[in-house]
Amino acid sequence: MNFGDRLLQAAQKRRENKRRKLKGPLGDYYRSGGNILLYDLPITSEGIVIDAGGFNGDWTRNIILMYGCRSEIFEPFPEYAVKLENFFRRNPHVNVHKVGLGGAGRLTNMAFQDDATSEFIPGTNMKGQDTQVEIVDVADYLAKLQDAEIDCIKLNIEGAEYEVLERILEDKQIV
């Protein structure tokens, strides 16, 4: 190991130690090894989770294995949505929606950038053209569920997280 590698390793170890000494939820996250996003969640086997930005389905797969709950996956990019449908086709606990979640319903263009595919990325995408996708209003979707309670929502929607959270709060969907 050369001097540069040792220096980098020492800096990473120091950063990790500082993170583990943080107080509160952020410190808890680092002390748990970063697994707080899956473990010890208040999800029941009768519960429903929403996976907004399903991408390759890893999060839903892990949550279903751990909790046995139902998952509603929202993936607006057609190629990923089809892959998710194929992967979960025999699992009655998973429903794939070929739309995205947003603060309002709309048609928008998305730039394909692998795991950073987004409507907010300027410029040309990896495929040379944008893809038009549908975004549904999160409040409208939640209203259709009527009395069903959502145990957990995962938002990885490349810049639209705040509009979804603001819409949920505005519509008094969180109590």
N, C-alpha and C. Protein backbone atom coordinates (compact mmCIF):
# COMPACT_ATOMS: atom_id res chain seq x y z
N MET A 1 0.86 -1.17 0.00
CA MET A 1 0.00 0.00 0.00
C MET A 1 0.91 1.24 0.00
N ASN A 2 0.65 2.14 -0.95
CA ASN A 2 1.49 3.33 -1.03
C ASN A 2 1.00 4.40 -0.05
N PHE A 3 1.76 5.47 0.04
CA PHE A 3 1.46 6.54 0.99
C PHE A 3 0.09 7.17 0.73
N GLY A 4 -0.24 7.38 -0.54
CA GLY A 4 -1.53 7.97 -0.88
C GLY A 4 -2.70 7.10 -0.42
N ASP A 5 -2.58 5.79 -0.61
CA ASP A 5 -3.63 4.86 -0.17
C ASP A 5 -3.79 4.88 1.35
N ARG A 6 -2.65 4.92 2.06
CA ARG A 6 -2.70 4.96 3.53
C ARG A 6 -3.33 6.26 4.00
N LEU A 7 -3.01 7.35 3.34
CA LEU A 7 -3.58 8.65 3.72
C LEU A 7 -5.09 8.66 3.48
N LEU A 8 -5.51 8.14 2.35
CA LEU A 8 -6.94 8.06 2.04
C LEU A 8 -7.66 7.17 3.05
N GLN A 9 -7.07 6.04 3.39
CA GLN A 9 -7.67 5.12 4.36
C GLN A 9 -7.79 5.79 5.74
N ALA A 10 -6.79 6.52 6.15
CA ALA A 10 -6.82 7.22 7.44
C ALA A 10 -7.90 8.29 7.44
N ALA A 11 -8.04 9.03 6.34
CA ALA A 11 -9.07 10.07 6.25
C ALA A 11 -10.47 9.45 6.30
N GLN A 12 -10.67 8.33 5.62
CA GLN A 12 -11.97 7.66 5.63
C GLN A 12 -12.31 7.13 7.02
N LYS A 13 -11.33 6.59 7.70
CA LYS A 13 -11.55 6.07 9.05
C LYS A 13 -11.90 7.21 10.01
N ARG A 14 -11.20 8.33 9.87
CA ARG A 14 -11.49 9.49 10.73
C ARG A 14 -12.91 10.00 10.48
N ARG A 15 -13.30 10.10 9.20
CA ARG A 15 -14.65 10.55 8.85
C ARG A 15 -15.70 9.60 9.43
N GLU A 16 -15.46 8.30 9.31
CA GLU A 16 -16.39 7.31 9.84
C GLU A 16 -16.53 7.43 11.36
N ASN A 17 -15.42 7.61 12.06
CA ASN A 17 -15.45 7.76 13.52
C ASN A 17 -16.22 9.01 13.92
N LYS A 18 -16.03 10.12 13.19
CA LYS A 18 -16.76 11.35 13.50
C LYS A 18 -18.26 11.16 13.30
N ARG A 19 -18.63 10.46 12.24
CA ARG A 19 -20.05 10.22 11.96
C ARG A 19 -20.68 9.37 13.06
N ARG A 20 -19.97 8.38 13.53
CA ARG A 20 -20.53 7.50 14.57
C ARG A 20 -20.70 8.21 15.90
N LYS A 21 -19.98 9.30 16.11
CA LYS A 21 -20.10 10.07 17.36
C LYS A 21 -21.21 11.11 17.30
N LEU A 22 -21.84 11.27 16.14
CA LEU A 22 -22.94 12.23 16.03
C LEU A 22 -24.09 11.81 16.93
N LYS A 23 -24.81 12.79 17.44
CA LYS A 23 -25.97 12.52 18.29
C LYS A 23 -27.23 12.43 17.45
N GLY A 24 -28.25 11.83 18.03
CA GLY A 24 -29.56 11.78 17.40
C GLY A 24 -29.69 10.76 16.28
N PRO A 25 -30.73 10.95 15.45
CA PRO A 25 -31.03 9.98 14.39
C PRO A 25 -29.90 9.80 13.37
N LEU A 26 -29.20 10.88 13.05
CA LEU A 26 -28.12 10.75 12.09
C LEU A 26 -27.00 9.86 12.64
N GLY A 27 -26.65 10.07 13.91
CA GLY A 27 -25.66 9.21 14.54
C GLY A 27 -26.14 7.77 14.62
N ASP A 28 -27.41 7.58 14.95
CA ASP A 28 -27.99 6.23 14.99
C ASP A 28 -27.85 5.55 13.63
N TYR A 29 -28.09 6.32 12.57
CA TYR A 29 -27.97 5.79 11.22
C TYR A 29 -26.56 5.28 10.95
N TYR A 30 -25.56 6.08 11.24
CA TYR A 30 -24.17 5.66 10.99
C TYR A 30 -23.74 4.53 11.91
N ARG A 31 -24.17 4.55 13.17
CA ARG A 31 -23.79 3.48 14.09
C ARG A 31 -24.42 2.14 13.69
N SER A 32 -25.57 2.19 13.02
CA SER A 32 -26.23 0.95 12.60
C SER A 32 -25.65 0.40 11.30
N GLY A 33 -24.68 1.09 10.76
CA GLY A 33 -24.10 0.65 9.50
C GLY A 33 -24.91 1.10 8.29
N GLY A 34 -25.80 2.05 8.50
CA GLY A 34 -26.59 2.58 7.39
C GLY A 34 -27.80 1.74 7.05
N ASN A 35 -28.20 0.84 7.93
CA ASN A 35 -29.32 -0.05 7.63
C ASN A 35 -30.63 0.38 8.26
N ILE A 36 -30.66 1.55 8.83
CA ILE A 36 -31.87 2.04 9.48
C ILE A 36 -33.01 2.20 8.48
N LEU A 37 -32.68 2.28 7.20
CA LEU A 37 -33.69 2.47 6.18
C LEU A 37 -34.53 1.21 5.94
N LEU A 38 -34.10 0.08 6.46
CA LEU A 38 -34.85 -1.16 6.29
C LEU A 38 -35.28 -1.78 7.60
N TYR A 39 -34.48 -1.61 8.63
CA TYR A 39 -34.73 -2.33 9.87
C TYR A 39 -35.50 -1.49 10.87
N ASP A 40 -36.21 -2.18 11.72
CA ASP A 40 -36.95 -1.55 12.82
C ASP A 40 -37.97 -0.53 12.35
N LEU A 41 -38.59 -0.78 11.22
CA LEU A 41 -39.65 0.10 10.75
C LEU A 41 -40.99 -0.43 11.26
N PRO A 42 -41.95 0.44 11.51
CA PRO A 42 -43.26 -0.02 12.01
C PRO A 42 -44.15 -0.54 10.88
N ILE A 43 -43.70 -1.58 10.22
CA ILE A 43 -44.44 -2.16 9.10
C ILE A 43 -44.99 -3.52 9.54
N THR A 44 -46.26 -3.75 9.25
CA THR A 44 -46.87 -5.03 9.59
C THR A 44 -47.05 -5.87 8.32
N SER A 45 -47.33 -7.12 8.50
CA SER A 45 -47.54 -7.99 7.34
C SER A 45 -48.81 -7.61 6.59
N GLU A 46 -49.73 -6.91 7.23
CA GLU A 46 -50.93 -6.43 6.56
C GLU A 46 -50.73 -5.03 5.99
N GLY A 47 -49.57 -4.46 6.23
CA GLY A 47 -49.31 -3.08 5.85
C GLY A 47 -49.06 -2.88 4.37
N ILE A 48 -49.07 -1.61 4.00
CA ILE A 48 -48.80 -1.19 2.63
C ILE A 48 -47.61 -0.24 2.66
N VAL A 49 -46.67 -0.45 1.74
CA VAL A 49 -45.56 0.49 1.57
C VAL A 49 -45.63 1.03 0.14
N ILE A 50 -45.15 2.24 -0.02
CA ILE A 50 -45.07 2.85 -1.34
C ILE A 50 -43.60 3.02 -1.68
N ASP A 51 -43.23 2.49 -2.82
CA ASP A 51 -41.87 2.60 -3.33
C ASP A 51 -41.91 3.55 -4.51
N ALA A 52 -41.69 4.84 -4.25
CA ALA A 52 -41.71 5.84 -5.32
C ALA A 52 -40.31 5.97 -5.89
N GLY A 53 -40.18 5.60 -7.15
CA GLY A 53 -38.87 5.52 -7.79
C GLY A 53 -38.34 4.12 -7.66
N GLY A 54 -39.10 3.15 -8.16
CA GLY A 54 -38.79 1.73 -7.98
C GLY A 54 -37.49 1.26 -8.58
N PHE A 55 -37.04 1.89 -9.66
CA PHE A 55 -35.80 1.59 -10.36
C PHE A 55 -35.66 0.09 -10.62
N ASN A 56 -34.87 -0.65 -9.84
CA ASN A 56 -34.69 -2.08 -10.09
C ASN A 56 -35.38 -2.97 -9.05
N GLY A 57 -36.11 -2.37 -8.12
CA GLY A 57 -36.92 -3.13 -7.18
C GLY A 57 -36.21 -3.63 -5.94
N ASP A 58 -34.95 -3.25 -5.74
CA ASP A 58 -34.20 -3.73 -4.57
C ASP A 58 -34.89 -3.40 -3.25
N TRP A 59 -35.34 -2.15 -3.10
CA TRP A 59 -35.95 -1.75 -1.83
C TRP A 59 -37.21 -2.56 -1.56
N THR A 60 -38.08 -2.67 -2.55
CA THR A 60 -39.32 -3.45 -2.37
C THR A 60 -39.00 -4.90 -2.05
N ARG A 61 -38.07 -5.48 -2.77
CA ARG A 61 -37.70 -6.88 -2.53
C ARG A 61 -37.26 -7.07 -1.07
N ASN A 62 -36.41 -6.20 -0.57
CA ASN A 62 -35.93 -6.32 0.81
C ASN A 62 -37.05 -6.10 1.82
N ILE A 63 -37.89 -5.12 1.59
CA ILE A 63 -39.00 -4.84 2.52
C ILE A 63 -39.97 -6.01 2.57
N ILE A 64 -40.31 -6.57 1.42
CA ILE A 64 -41.24 -7.71 1.39
C ILE A 64 -40.64 -8.92 2.09
N LEU A 65 -39.36 -9.17 1.87
CA LEU A 65 -38.71 -10.28 2.55
C LEU A 65 -38.71 -10.10 4.06
N MET A 66 -38.51 -8.88 4.51
CA MET A 66 -38.45 -8.62 5.95
C MET A 66 -39.80 -8.56 6.62
N TYR A 67 -40.80 -7.97 5.95
CA TYR A 67 -42.06 -7.68 6.61
C TYR A 67 -43.27 -8.41 6.02
N GLY A 68 -43.17 -8.94 4.82
CA GLY A 68 -44.30 -9.64 4.21
C GLY A 68 -45.47 -8.74 3.86
N CYS A 69 -45.21 -7.48 3.65
CA CYS A 69 -46.27 -6.50 3.40
C CYS A 69 -46.58 -6.38 1.91
N ARG A 70 -47.50 -5.49 1.59
CA ARG A 70 -47.86 -5.19 0.21
C ARG A 70 -47.05 -3.97 -0.23
N SER A 71 -46.59 -3.96 -1.48
CA SER A 71 -45.83 -2.82 -2.00
C SER A 71 -46.48 -2.28 -3.27
N GLU A 72 -46.62 -0.97 -3.30
CA GLU A 72 -47.09 -0.25 -4.47
C GLU A 72 -45.88 0.48 -5.04
N ILE A 73 -45.37 0.01 -6.18
CA ILE A 73 -44.18 0.60 -6.78
C ILE A 73 -44.60 1.59 -7.87
N PHE A 74 -44.02 2.78 -7.81
CA PHE A 74 -44.24 3.79 -8.83
C PHE A 74 -42.93 3.99 -9.59
N GLU A 75 -42.96 3.67 -10.88
CA GLU A 75 -41.78 3.83 -11.74
C GLU A 75 -42.24 4.37 -13.09
N PRO A 76 -41.95 5.64 -13.35
CA PRO A 76 -42.45 6.24 -14.59
C PRO A 76 -41.65 5.89 -15.84
N PHE A 77 -40.40 5.50 -15.69
CA PHE A 77 -39.60 5.24 -16.87
C PHE A 77 -39.96 3.87 -17.42
N PRO A 78 -40.44 3.80 -18.67
CA PRO A 78 -41.00 2.56 -19.21
C PRO A 78 -40.10 1.32 -19.10
N GLU A 79 -38.82 1.44 -19.41
CA GLU A 79 -37.94 0.27 -19.37
C GLU A 79 -37.86 -0.32 -17.96
N TYR A 80 -37.73 0.53 -16.96
CA TYR A 80 -37.64 0.05 -15.58
C TYR A 80 -38.97 -0.53 -15.12
N ALA A 81 -40.07 0.12 -15.49
CA ALA A 81 -41.39 -0.37 -15.09
C ALA A 81 -41.65 -1.77 -15.64
N VAL A 82 -41.28 -2.01 -16.89
CA VAL A 82 -41.47 -3.34 -17.49
C VAL A 82 -40.60 -4.37 -16.77
N LYS A 83 -39.37 -4.02 -16.47
CA LYS A 83 -38.49 -4.95 -15.74
C LYS A 83 -39.08 -5.27 -14.36
N LEU A 84 -39.62 -4.25 -13.69
CA LEU A 84 -40.25 -4.49 -12.38
C LEU A 84 -41.46 -5.40 -12.51
N GLU A 85 -42.29 -5.16 -13.50
CA GLU A 85 -43.45 -6.03 -13.72
C GLU A 85 -43.03 -7.47 -13.96
N ASN A 86 -42.02 -7.66 -14.76
CA ASN A 86 -41.54 -9.01 -15.04
C ASN A 86 -40.97 -9.67 -13.79
N PHE A 87 -40.20 -8.92 -13.03
CA PHE A 87 -39.58 -9.48 -11.83
C PHE A 87 -40.61 -9.88 -10.78
N PHE A 88 -41.63 -9.03 -10.58
CA PHE A 88 -42.62 -9.27 -9.52
C PHE A 88 -43.93 -9.88 -10.05
N ARG A 89 -43.95 -10.38 -11.29
CA ARG A 89 -45.19 -10.81 -11.92
C ARG A 89 -45.92 -11.91 -11.14
N ARG A 90 -45.23 -12.72 -10.40
CA ARG A 90 -45.88 -13.82 -9.65
C ARG A 90 -46.08 -13.48 -8.17
N ASN A 91 -45.81 -12.26 -7.81
CA ASN A 91 -45.96 -11.87 -6.41
C ASN A 91 -47.22 -11.02 -6.26
N PRO A 92 -48.26 -11.56 -5.65
CA PRO A 92 -49.51 -10.82 -5.51
C PRO A 92 -49.42 -9.63 -4.54
N HIS A 93 -48.32 -9.54 -3.82
CA HIS A 93 -48.14 -8.44 -2.87
C HIS A 93 -47.55 -7.19 -3.51
N VAL A 94 -47.22 -7.26 -4.79
CA VAL A 94 -46.57 -6.14 -5.46
C VAL A 94 -47.42 -5.67 -6.63
N ASN A 95 -47.64 -4.36 -6.67
CA ASN A 95 -48.37 -3.74 -7.76
C ASN A 95 -47.47 -2.66 -8.35
N VAL A 96 -47.15 -2.77 -9.64
CA VAL A 96 -46.28 -1.81 -10.31
C VAL A 96 -47.15 -0.82 -11.08
N HIS A 97 -46.94 0.46 -10.80
CA HIS A 97 -47.62 1.54 -11.50
C HIS A 97 -46.62 2.16 -12.47
N LYS A 98 -46.97 2.22 -13.74
CA LYS A 98 -46.06 2.76 -14.76
C LYS A 98 -46.19 4.28 -14.84
N VAL A 99 -46.20 4.90 -13.70
CA VAL A 99 -46.27 6.36 -13.57
C VAL A 99 -45.40 6.77 -12.40
N GLY A 100 -45.12 8.06 -12.32
CA GLY A 100 -44.38 8.58 -11.18
C GLY A 100 -45.31 9.28 -10.22
N LEU A 101 -44.84 9.51 -9.01
CA LEU A 101 -45.59 10.30 -8.03
C LEU A 101 -45.05 11.72 -8.03
N GLY A 102 -45.97 12.67 -7.89
CA GLY A 102 -45.57 14.07 -7.84
C GLY A 102 -46.54 14.88 -7.01
N GLY A 103 -46.29 16.15 -6.95
CA GLY A 103 -47.16 17.07 -6.22
C GLY A 103 -48.38 17.47 -7.02
N ALA A 104 -48.39 17.16 -8.31
CA ALA A 104 -49.53 17.44 -9.19
C ALA A 104 -49.44 16.47 -10.38
N GLY A 105 -50.58 16.16 -10.96
CA GLY A 105 -50.59 15.32 -12.14
C GLY A 105 -50.09 16.09 -13.35
N ARG A 106 -49.33 15.42 -14.21
CA ARG A 106 -48.80 16.08 -15.40
C ARG A 106 -48.12 15.07 -16.31
N LEU A 107 -47.89 15.48 -17.53
CA LEU A 107 -47.01 14.77 -18.44
C LEU A 107 -45.71 15.56 -18.45
N THR A 108 -44.58 14.86 -18.41
CA THR A 108 -43.30 15.53 -18.39
C THR A 108 -42.29 14.71 -19.16
N ASN A 109 -41.18 15.32 -19.47
CA ASN A 109 -40.10 14.60 -20.15
C ASN A 109 -39.03 14.23 -19.14
N MET A 110 -38.51 13.02 -19.27
CA MET A 110 -37.44 12.56 -18.39
C MET A 110 -36.21 12.27 -19.23
N ALA A 111 -35.07 12.64 -18.69
CA ALA A 111 -33.79 12.32 -19.31
C ALA A 111 -33.29 11.03 -18.70
N PHE A 112 -33.00 10.06 -19.53
CA PHE A 112 -32.51 8.77 -19.06
C PHE A 112 -31.05 8.90 -18.65
N GLN A 113 -30.77 8.67 -17.37
CA GLN A 113 -29.41 8.71 -16.84
C GLN A 113 -29.20 7.55 -15.87
N ASP A 114 -29.59 6.35 -16.26
CA ASP A 114 -29.47 5.15 -15.44
C ASP A 114 -30.18 5.34 -14.10
N ASP A 115 -29.46 5.26 -12.96
CA ASP A 115 -30.14 5.38 -11.67
C ASP A 115 -30.37 6.82 -11.26
N ALA A 116 -30.12 7.78 -12.13
CA ALA A 116 -30.41 9.19 -11.86
C ALA A 116 -31.38 9.75 -12.90
N THR A 117 -32.18 8.88 -13.52
CA THR A 117 -33.16 9.32 -14.50
C THR A 117 -34.11 10.30 -13.84
N SER A 118 -34.29 11.47 -14.48
CA SER A 118 -35.05 12.53 -13.82
C SER A 118 -35.63 13.49 -14.84
N GLU A 119 -36.71 14.16 -14.43
CA GLU A 119 -37.24 15.24 -15.26
C GLU A 119 -36.47 16.54 -15.01
N PHE A 120 -35.61 16.56 -14.02
CA PHE A 120 -34.91 17.78 -13.64
C PHE A 120 -33.47 17.84 -14.12
N ILE A 121 -33.03 16.85 -14.92
CA ILE A 121 -31.67 16.85 -15.45
C ILE A 121 -31.69 17.61 -16.77
N PRO A 122 -30.95 18.69 -16.86
CA PRO A 122 -30.91 19.42 -18.12
C PRO A 122 -30.02 18.71 -19.14
N GLY A 123 -30.30 18.95 -20.40
CA GLY A 123 -29.42 18.43 -21.44
C GLY A 123 -29.84 17.08 -21.98
N THR A 124 -29.04 16.58 -22.85
CA THR A 124 -29.32 15.31 -23.53
C THR A 124 -29.03 14.14 -22.62
N ASN A 125 -29.86 13.12 -22.72
CA ASN A 125 -29.66 11.94 -21.90
C ASN A 125 -28.81 10.90 -22.63
N MET A 126 -28.55 9.81 -21.94
CA MET A 126 -27.69 8.75 -22.47
C MET A 126 -28.27 8.12 -23.74
N LYS A 127 -29.58 8.18 -23.93
CA LYS A 127 -30.21 7.56 -25.10
C LYS A 127 -30.38 8.56 -26.24
N GLY A 128 -30.01 9.82 -26.01
CA GLY A 128 -30.10 10.82 -27.06
C GLY A 128 -31.41 11.55 -27.14
N GLN A 129 -32.42 11.12 -26.40
CA GLN A 129 -33.71 11.83 -26.41
C GLN A 129 -34.42 11.63 -25.09
N ASP A 130 -35.28 12.59 -24.76
CA ASP A 130 -36.07 12.48 -23.54
C ASP A 130 -37.25 11.53 -23.79
N THR A 131 -37.80 11.01 -22.71
CA THR A 131 -38.97 10.14 -22.77
C THR A 131 -40.10 10.82 -22.03
N GLN A 132 -41.27 10.90 -22.67
CA GLN A 132 -42.42 11.50 -22.00
C GLN A 132 -43.04 10.48 -21.05
N VAL A 133 -43.30 10.92 -19.81
CA VAL A 133 -43.87 10.04 -18.79
C VAL A 133 -45.02 10.76 -18.09
N GLU A 134 -45.83 9.96 -17.41
CA GLU A 134 -46.95 10.51 -16.65
C GLU A 134 -46.59 10.55 -15.17
N ILE A 135 -46.93 11.67 -14.55
CA ILE A 135 -46.78 11.85 -13.10
C ILE A 135 -48.18 12.01 -12.53
N VAL A 136 -48.51 11.26 -11.48
CA VAL A 136 -49.82 11.38 -10.84
C VAL A 136 -49.68 12.13 -9.52
N ASP A 137 -50.74 12.82 -9.17
CA ASP A 137 -50.78 13.58 -7.92
C ASP A 137 -50.83 12.59 -6.75
N VAL A 138 -49.87 12.68 -5.86
CA VAL A 138 -49.79 11.76 -4.73
C VAL A 138 -51.05 11.83 -3.87
N ALA A 139 -51.63 13.01 -3.71
CA ALA A 139 -52.85 13.15 -2.90
C ALA A 139 -54.02 12.43 -3.55
N ASP A 140 -54.12 12.50 -4.86
CA ASP A 140 -55.19 11.77 -5.56
C ASP A 140 -55.03 10.27 -5.37
N TYR A 141 -53.80 9.76 -5.47
CA TYR A 141 -53.57 8.34 -5.30
C TYR A 141 -53.91 7.90 -3.87
N LEU A 142 -53.44 8.67 -2.89
CA LEU A 142 -53.71 8.31 -1.50
C LEU A 142 -55.20 8.36 -1.20
N ALA A 143 -55.93 9.28 -1.81
CA ALA A 143 -57.38 9.36 -1.60
C ALA A 143 -58.08 8.11 -2.13
N LYS A 144 -57.56 7.52 -3.20
CA LYS A 144 -58.15 6.29 -3.76
C LYS A 144 -58.00 5.11 -2.82
N LEU A 145 -57.00 5.16 -1.96
CA LEU A 145 -56.79 4.06 -1.02
C LEU A 145 -57.80 4.09 0.12
N GLN A 146 -58.54 5.17 0.22
CA GLN A 146 -59.57 5.38 1.24
C GLN A 146 -59.01 5.18 2.64
N ASP A 147 -59.47 4.17 3.35
CA ASP A 147 -59.09 4.00 4.74
C ASP A 147 -57.81 3.19 4.95
N ALA A 148 -57.20 2.74 3.88
CA ALA A 148 -55.96 1.96 4.01
C ALA A 148 -54.86 2.84 4.57
N GLU A 149 -54.11 2.31 5.52
CA GLU A 149 -53.00 3.06 6.09
C GLU A 149 -51.70 2.65 5.43
N ILE A 150 -50.90 3.64 5.12
CA ILE A 150 -49.59 3.41 4.54
C ILE A 150 -48.59 3.32 5.68
N ASP A 151 -47.85 2.21 5.74
CA ASP A 151 -46.87 2.03 6.81
C ASP A 151 -45.57 2.77 6.54
N CYS A 152 -45.20 2.90 5.25
CA CYS A 152 -43.91 3.52 4.94
C CYS A 152 -43.93 3.99 3.48
N ILE A 153 -43.31 5.13 3.23
CA ILE A 153 -43.13 5.62 1.87
C ILE A 153 -41.65 5.84 1.64
N LYS A 154 -41.13 5.22 0.58
CA LYS A 154 -39.75 5.46 0.17
C LYS A 154 -39.79 6.38 -1.03
N LEU A 155 -39.12 7.53 -0.91
CA LEU A 155 -39.08 8.49 -2.01
C LEU A 155 -37.66 8.59 -2.54
N ASN A 156 -37.46 8.13 -3.74
CA ASN A 156 -36.19 8.31 -4.43
C ASN A 156 -36.56 8.70 -5.86
N ILE A 157 -37.03 9.96 -5.98
CA ILE A 157 -37.60 10.41 -7.23
C ILE A 157 -36.85 11.61 -7.79
N GLU A 158 -35.55 11.60 -7.59
CA GLU A 158 -34.61 12.49 -8.27
C GLU A 158 -35.04 13.94 -8.35
N GLY A 159 -35.34 14.54 -7.21
CA GLY A 159 -35.62 15.96 -7.16
C GLY A 159 -37.06 16.31 -6.88
N ALA A 160 -37.98 15.35 -6.96
CA ALA A 160 -39.40 15.64 -6.74
C ALA A 160 -39.85 15.28 -5.32
N GLU A 161 -38.92 14.89 -4.47
CA GLU A 161 -39.29 14.48 -3.11
C GLU A 161 -40.01 15.58 -2.35
N TYR A 162 -39.50 16.80 -2.44
CA TYR A 162 -40.11 17.90 -1.68
C TYR A 162 -41.51 18.22 -2.16
N GLU A 163 -41.74 18.19 -3.46
CA GLU A 163 -43.09 18.48 -3.94
C GLU A 163 -44.07 17.42 -3.46
N VAL A 164 -43.64 16.17 -3.38
CA VAL A 164 -44.52 15.11 -2.88
C VAL A 164 -44.80 15.31 -1.39
N LEU A 165 -43.76 15.57 -0.62
CA LEU A 165 -43.95 15.78 0.82
C LEU A 165 -44.83 17.01 1.10
N GLU A 166 -44.59 18.09 0.37
CA GLU A 166 -45.41 19.29 0.55
C GLU A 166 -46.87 19.02 0.20
N ARG A 167 -47.11 18.25 -0.84
CA ARG A 167 -48.48 17.93 -1.25
C ARG A 167 -49.17 17.05 -0.21
N ILE A 168 -48.45 16.08 0.34
CA ILE A 168 -49.03 15.22 1.37
C ILE A 168 -49.40 16.05 2.60
N LEU A 169 -48.52 16.96 2.99
CA LEU A 169 -48.81 17.83 4.14
C LEU A 169 -49.96 18.78 3.84
N GLU A 170 -49.96 19.36 2.66
CA GLU A 170 -51.02 20.29 2.25
C GLU A 170 -52.38 19.60 2.27
N ASP A 171 -52.43 18.36 1.84
CA ASP A 171 -53.68 17.61 1.77
C ASP A 171 -54.02 16.92 3.08
N LYS A 172 -53.20 17.18 4.10
CA LYS A 172 -53.40 16.60 5.44
C LYS A 172 -53.44 15.09 5.42
N GLN A 173 -52.57 14.47 4.58
CA GLN A 173 -52.49 13.02 4.51
C GLN A 173 -51.61 12.44 5.63
N ILE A 174 -50.79 13.30 6.24
CA ILE A 174 -49.97 12.87 7.37
C ILE A 174 -50.58 13.44 8.62
N VAL A 175 -50.84 12.59 9.59
CA VAL A 175 -51.42 13.06 10.87
C VAL A 175 -50.48 12.79 12.00
